[in-house]
Amino acid sequence: LSSSSVTGIIKDSKEQLWISTSDGGIDIYNIKNKEFINITNTKNKIATGLNKAEAPTIFKDSKGNILVGTWESGFFILPKNSNKFSNINDSNSSLKSNKVMSFAEDSTGILWIGTFFSGLYSYDLKKNKLTHHNTLNFKKYNINTSIIRKVIVDKKDNIWIGTRAGLYRINKNEEDSFSITSFNERFKTILGENISSTIVYSLFEDELKNIWIGSLDYGL
C-alpha cells in the first residue's frame, strides 16, 4: 500500500480493489494474487492517465465507470472497458474548484459532485455536460461556494449534501428546478442554540430510508 491514509475503496468488474489515498494516489489490489500495484507504476497495465497523489475520493457508477476526485486537478474518469483516464478540471470545463471531495449518482445516471469552495455540480456522462448549481436558491444558502464533504442520493432521488456549514436536502422538481431544505435549525434545537454550524463529514441512507449523519465533534 502506497499510503497509510486511505480515503476510499471500490471493487471493479474484474474483482480488483481500487484504493484511493490522501498522498499515494490509487493502489489496485488483485484479490486473487494478493498483490498491490500503484496506478503510476510503469508496470501497471490496468490504466494510464492518472498521476496525482492526493485522491480524497473514488467512486464507481452503475455502468462500471470509475471516477477519482483529486485535491488539485479536478476529477478523472475511466470509462468501463477503457484503460485511459480523462481529466475534467477548471481549465477545460465549468468546474471552478479543482478540489473534488465526493460523488453520487441518481436513478437517471446523472452524477452529483461535491467540491471544496465551489459547491455542487452535476455531470451527464453521456452528453459530457458539467453543470454548476449556482442559481438563486443555491446562493440563498451559499451552496454555490460551499465546502462539501459528502454527497448522497436517497431512494427518492433527493440529493443530500454534508458541508462545513451543515446539512441540506435538494429536491429536483420539474424543468430542472430545485427546492432546498436546510437542517441547520434542527441541529441548533438538538445540540443547543449557541452552535453556529455543524460540520457534516459523512452521510448514509439505510434500508428503512433513514439518513444517518456523521459530524465533527457532535457524533452521529
Protein backbone atom coordinates (compact mmCIF):
# COMPACT_ATOMS: atom_id res chain seq x y z
CA LEU A 1 0.00 0.00 0.00
CA SER A 2 1.43 3.36 -1.05
CA SER A 3 -0.03 5.33 1.86
CA SER A 4 -1.41 4.69 5.33
CA SER A 5 -4.15 7.30 4.75
CA VAL A 6 -6.95 5.56 2.81
CA THR A 7 -9.85 7.73 1.61
CA GLY A 8 -11.98 5.24 -0.34
CA ILE A 9 -12.33 1.67 -1.67
CA ILE A 10 -14.29 0.27 -4.62
CA LYS A 11 -14.32 -3.07 -6.45
CA ASP A 12 -14.19 -3.20 -10.25
CA SER A 13 -15.75 -5.71 -12.64
CA LYS A 14 -12.58 -7.81 -12.52
CA GLU A 15 -12.83 -8.25 -8.75
CA GLN A 16 -9.94 -5.89 -8.09
CA LEU A 17 -9.99 -3.38 -5.25
CA TRP A 18 -9.21 0.24 -6.10
CA ILE A 19 -7.96 2.12 -3.07
CA SER A 20 -7.71 5.91 -3.05
CA THR A 21 -5.29 7.58 -0.65
CA SER A 22 -4.59 11.10 0.56
CA ASP A 23 -0.96 11.15 -0.55
CA GLY A 24 -0.18 7.99 -2.50
CA GLY A 25 -2.60 8.13 -5.40
CA ILE A 26 -4.52 4.98 -6.34
CA ASP A 27 -3.45 1.46 -5.41
CA ILE A 28 -5.07 -1.54 -7.08
CA TYR A 29 -5.22 -4.80 -5.16
CA ASN A 30 -5.57 -8.09 -7.01
CA ILE A 31 -7.55 -10.23 -4.58
CA LYS A 32 -6.67 -13.45 -6.39
CA ASN A 33 -2.91 -12.86 -6.49
CA LYS A 34 -2.82 -10.82 -3.28
CA GLU A 35 -0.70 -8.17 -4.98
CA PHE A 36 -0.76 -4.36 -4.91
CA ILE A 37 0.23 -2.11 -7.77
CA ASN A 38 0.07 1.68 -7.86
CA ILE A 39 -1.62 3.33 -10.82
CA THR A 40 1.57 5.33 -11.51
CA ASN A 41 3.76 2.23 -11.67
CA THR A 42 5.21 1.79 -15.17
CA LYS A 43 4.43 -1.94 -14.93
CA ASN A 44 0.76 -1.14 -14.46
CA LYS A 45 -1.26 -2.35 -17.46
CA ILE A 46 -4.66 -1.57 -15.98
CA ALA A 47 -4.98 2.15 -16.73
CA THR A 48 -2.95 5.23 -17.59
CA GLY A 49 -3.55 8.97 -17.46
CA LEU A 50 -3.81 9.43 -13.68
CA ASN A 51 -0.67 10.57 -11.93
CA LYS A 52 -1.96 12.58 -8.96
CA ALA A 53 -1.01 11.62 -5.41
CA GLU A 54 -3.85 13.26 -3.47
CA ALA A 55 -7.15 11.46 -4.07
CA PRO A 56 -9.84 12.35 -1.49
CA THR A 57 -12.47 10.11 -3.10
CA ILE A 58 -13.10 7.28 -5.55
CA PHE A 59 -16.45 6.13 -6.97
CA LYS A 60 -17.84 3.51 -9.36
CA ASP A 61 -21.13 4.33 -11.06
CA SER A 62 -23.89 1.94 -12.09
CA LYS A 63 -22.34 1.43 -15.53
CA GLY A 64 -18.93 0.49 -14.17
CA ASN A 65 -17.17 3.77 -14.90
CA ILE A 66 -14.61 4.76 -12.28
CA LEU A 67 -14.25 8.35 -11.07
CA VAL A 68 -11.43 9.73 -8.96
CA GLY A 69 -11.61 13.09 -7.21
CA THR A 70 -8.32 14.87 -6.59
CA TRP A 71 -7.21 17.73 -4.39
CA GLU A 72 -5.56 19.80 -7.11
CA SER A 73 -6.61 18.59 -10.57
CA GLY A 74 -10.38 18.20 -10.63
CA PHE A 75 -11.61 14.68 -11.32
CA PHE A 76 -10.62 11.80 -13.57
CA ILE A 77 -12.91 9.35 -15.38
CA LEU A 78 -12.07 5.84 -16.51
CA PRO A 79 -14.90 4.52 -18.73
CA LYS A 80 -15.69 0.84 -18.34
CA ASN A 81 -13.55 -1.37 -20.61
CA SER A 82 -11.14 1.53 -21.17
CA ASN A 83 -7.54 1.77 -19.99
CA LYS A 84 -7.17 5.55 -20.26
CA PHE A 85 -8.34 8.15 -17.78
CA SER A 86 -9.65 11.50 -18.97
CA ASN A 87 -9.48 14.60 -16.80
CA ILE A 88 -12.02 17.33 -16.09
CA ASN A 89 -10.66 20.42 -14.35
CA ASP A 90 -11.10 24.18 -14.08
CA SER A 91 -9.27 24.86 -17.33
CA ASN A 92 -11.28 22.60 -19.65
CA SER A 93 -14.78 22.79 -18.12
CA SER A 94 -17.10 24.88 -15.95
CA LEU A 95 -15.51 23.42 -12.83
CA LYS A 96 -14.48 26.31 -10.57
CA SER A 97 -12.64 24.29 -7.93
CA ASN A 98 -10.15 21.51 -8.58
CA LYS A 99 -10.75 20.10 -5.10
CA VAL A 100 -13.27 17.29 -5.62
CA MET A 101 -14.46 15.53 -2.47
CA SER A 102 -17.48 13.32 -3.19
CA PHE A 103 -19.54 11.62 -5.91
CA ALA A 104 -23.07 10.22 -6.00
CA GLU A 105 -25.42 9.01 -8.75
CA ASP A 106 -29.16 9.41 -9.20
CA SER A 107 -31.60 6.99 -10.82
CA THR A 108 -31.18 8.59 -14.25
CA GLY A 109 -27.41 8.11 -14.24
CA ILE A 110 -26.56 11.76 -13.52
CA LEU A 111 -23.52 12.12 -11.29
CA TRP A 112 -23.54 14.62 -8.42
CA ILE A 113 -20.20 16.07 -7.38
CA GLY A 114 -19.27 17.89 -4.18
CA THR A 115 -16.29 20.25 -4.17
CA PHE A 116 -14.33 22.47 -1.82
CA PHE A 117 -15.18 26.17 -2.28
CA SER A 118 -17.49 25.88 -5.30
CA GLY A 119 -20.33 23.74 -4.08
CA LEU A 120 -22.35 21.25 -6.10
CA TYR A 121 -22.12 20.09 -9.70
CA SER A 122 -23.99 17.54 -11.79
CA TYR A 123 -22.39 15.66 -14.64
CA ASP A 124 -24.12 13.95 -17.55
CA LEU A 125 -21.54 11.46 -18.76
CA LYS A 126 -23.44 10.66 -21.97
CA LYS A 127 -23.52 14.30 -23.04
CA ASN A 128 -20.22 15.18 -21.36
CA LYS A 129 -22.10 18.06 -19.75
CA LEU A 130 -20.99 19.53 -16.40
CA THR A 131 -23.37 21.91 -14.61
CA HIS A 132 -22.55 24.16 -11.68
CA HIS A 133 -25.61 24.68 -9.49
CA ASN A 134 -25.44 28.39 -8.69
CA THR A 135 -28.97 29.66 -9.19
CA LEU A 136 -30.61 31.96 -6.64
CA ASN A 137 -31.94 29.21 -4.37
CA PHE A 138 -28.44 27.69 -4.12
CA LYS A 139 -26.96 31.14 -3.46
CA LYS A 140 -29.51 31.73 -0.70
CA TYR A 141 -27.76 29.04 1.35
CA ASN A 142 -24.28 29.78 -0.07
CA ILE A 143 -24.20 26.28 -1.53
CA ASN A 144 -22.70 27.63 -4.76
CA THR A 145 -19.47 28.44 -2.88
CA SER A 146 -19.72 25.90 -0.06
CA ILE A 147 -17.24 23.31 1.13
CA ILE A 148 -18.95 19.97 0.56
CA ARG A 149 -17.58 16.92 2.32
CA LYS A 150 -20.19 14.34 1.28
CA VAL A 151 -22.95 13.87 -1.32
CA ILE A 152 -25.52 11.07 -1.41
CA VAL A 153 -28.70 10.48 -3.41
CA ASP A 154 -31.53 8.82 -1.49
CA LYS A 155 -34.07 6.30 -2.74
CA LYS A 156 -36.43 9.13 -3.75
CA ASP A 157 -33.70 10.81 -5.81
CA ASN A 158 -33.23 13.64 -3.33
CA ILE A 159 -29.67 14.93 -3.14
CA TRP A 160 -28.21 15.34 0.34
CA ILE A 161 -25.04 17.35 0.89
CA GLY A 162 -22.95 17.47 4.04
CA THR A 163 -20.95 20.69 4.28
CA ARG A 164 -18.80 22.64 6.70
CA ALA A 165 -21.91 24.75 7.26
CA GLY A 166 -24.41 21.99 7.92
CA LEU A 167 -26.78 19.65 6.10
CA TYR A 168 -29.03 20.34 3.10
CA ARG A 169 -31.53 18.30 1.09
CA ILE A 170 -32.05 19.21 -2.54
CA ASN A 171 -35.24 18.11 -4.28
CA LYS A 172 -35.28 18.09 -8.05
CA ASN A 173 -38.52 19.45 -9.46
CA GLU A 174 -39.85 19.56 -13.00
CA GLU A 175 -38.00 21.53 -15.67
CA ASP A 176 -34.69 21.21 -13.82
CA SER A 177 -35.65 23.48 -10.94
CA PHE A 178 -34.74 22.67 -7.35
CA SER A 179 -36.08 23.24 -3.86
CA ILE A 180 -33.66 23.21 -0.94
CA THR A 181 -34.21 22.36 2.72
CA SER A 182 -31.70 23.33 5.40
CA PHE A 183 -31.49 21.20 8.55
CA ASN A 184 -29.31 23.63 10.46
CA GLU A 185 -32.09 24.99 12.67
CA ARG A 186 -32.92 21.44 13.69
CA PHE A 187 -29.29 20.92 14.63
CA LYS A 188 -29.45 24.01 16.83
CA THR A 189 -32.60 22.71 18.53
CA ILE A 190 -30.99 19.35 19.22
CA LEU A 191 -27.45 20.47 20.04
CA GLY A 192 -28.01 23.91 21.50
CA GLU A 193 -28.74 27.38 20.21
CA ASN A 194 -25.15 28.56 20.68
CA ILE A 195 -23.67 26.48 17.85
CA SER A 196 -23.02 28.42 14.66
CA SER A 197 -22.94 25.41 12.33
CA THR A 198 -22.39 21.68 12.26
CA ILE A 199 -19.66 20.24 10.06
CA VAL A 200 -21.05 17.14 8.34
CA TYR A 201 -18.43 14.61 7.30
CA SER A 202 -20.48 11.57 6.31
CA LEU A 203 -23.99 10.56 5.19
CA PHE A 204 -25.69 7.19 4.76
CA GLU A 205 -29.22 6.03 3.94
CA ASP A 206 -30.31 2.72 5.44
CA GLU A 207 -32.90 0.23 4.16
CA LEU A 208 -35.66 1.98 6.14
CA LYS A 209 -34.82 5.27 4.37
CA ASN A 210 -33.33 6.82 7.49
CA ILE A 211 -30.47 9.25 6.85
CA TRP A 212 -27.51 8.81 9.20
CA ILE A 213 -25.30 11.85 9.72
CA GLY A 214 -21.68 11.79 10.84
CA SER A 215 -20.44 15.11 12.22
CA LEU A 216 -17.34 16.75 13.59
CA ASP A 217 -17.42 16.93 17.43
CA TYR A 218 -21.14 16.13 17.72
CA GLY A 219 -21.06 12.40 16.90
CA LEU A 220 -23.78 10.57 14.99
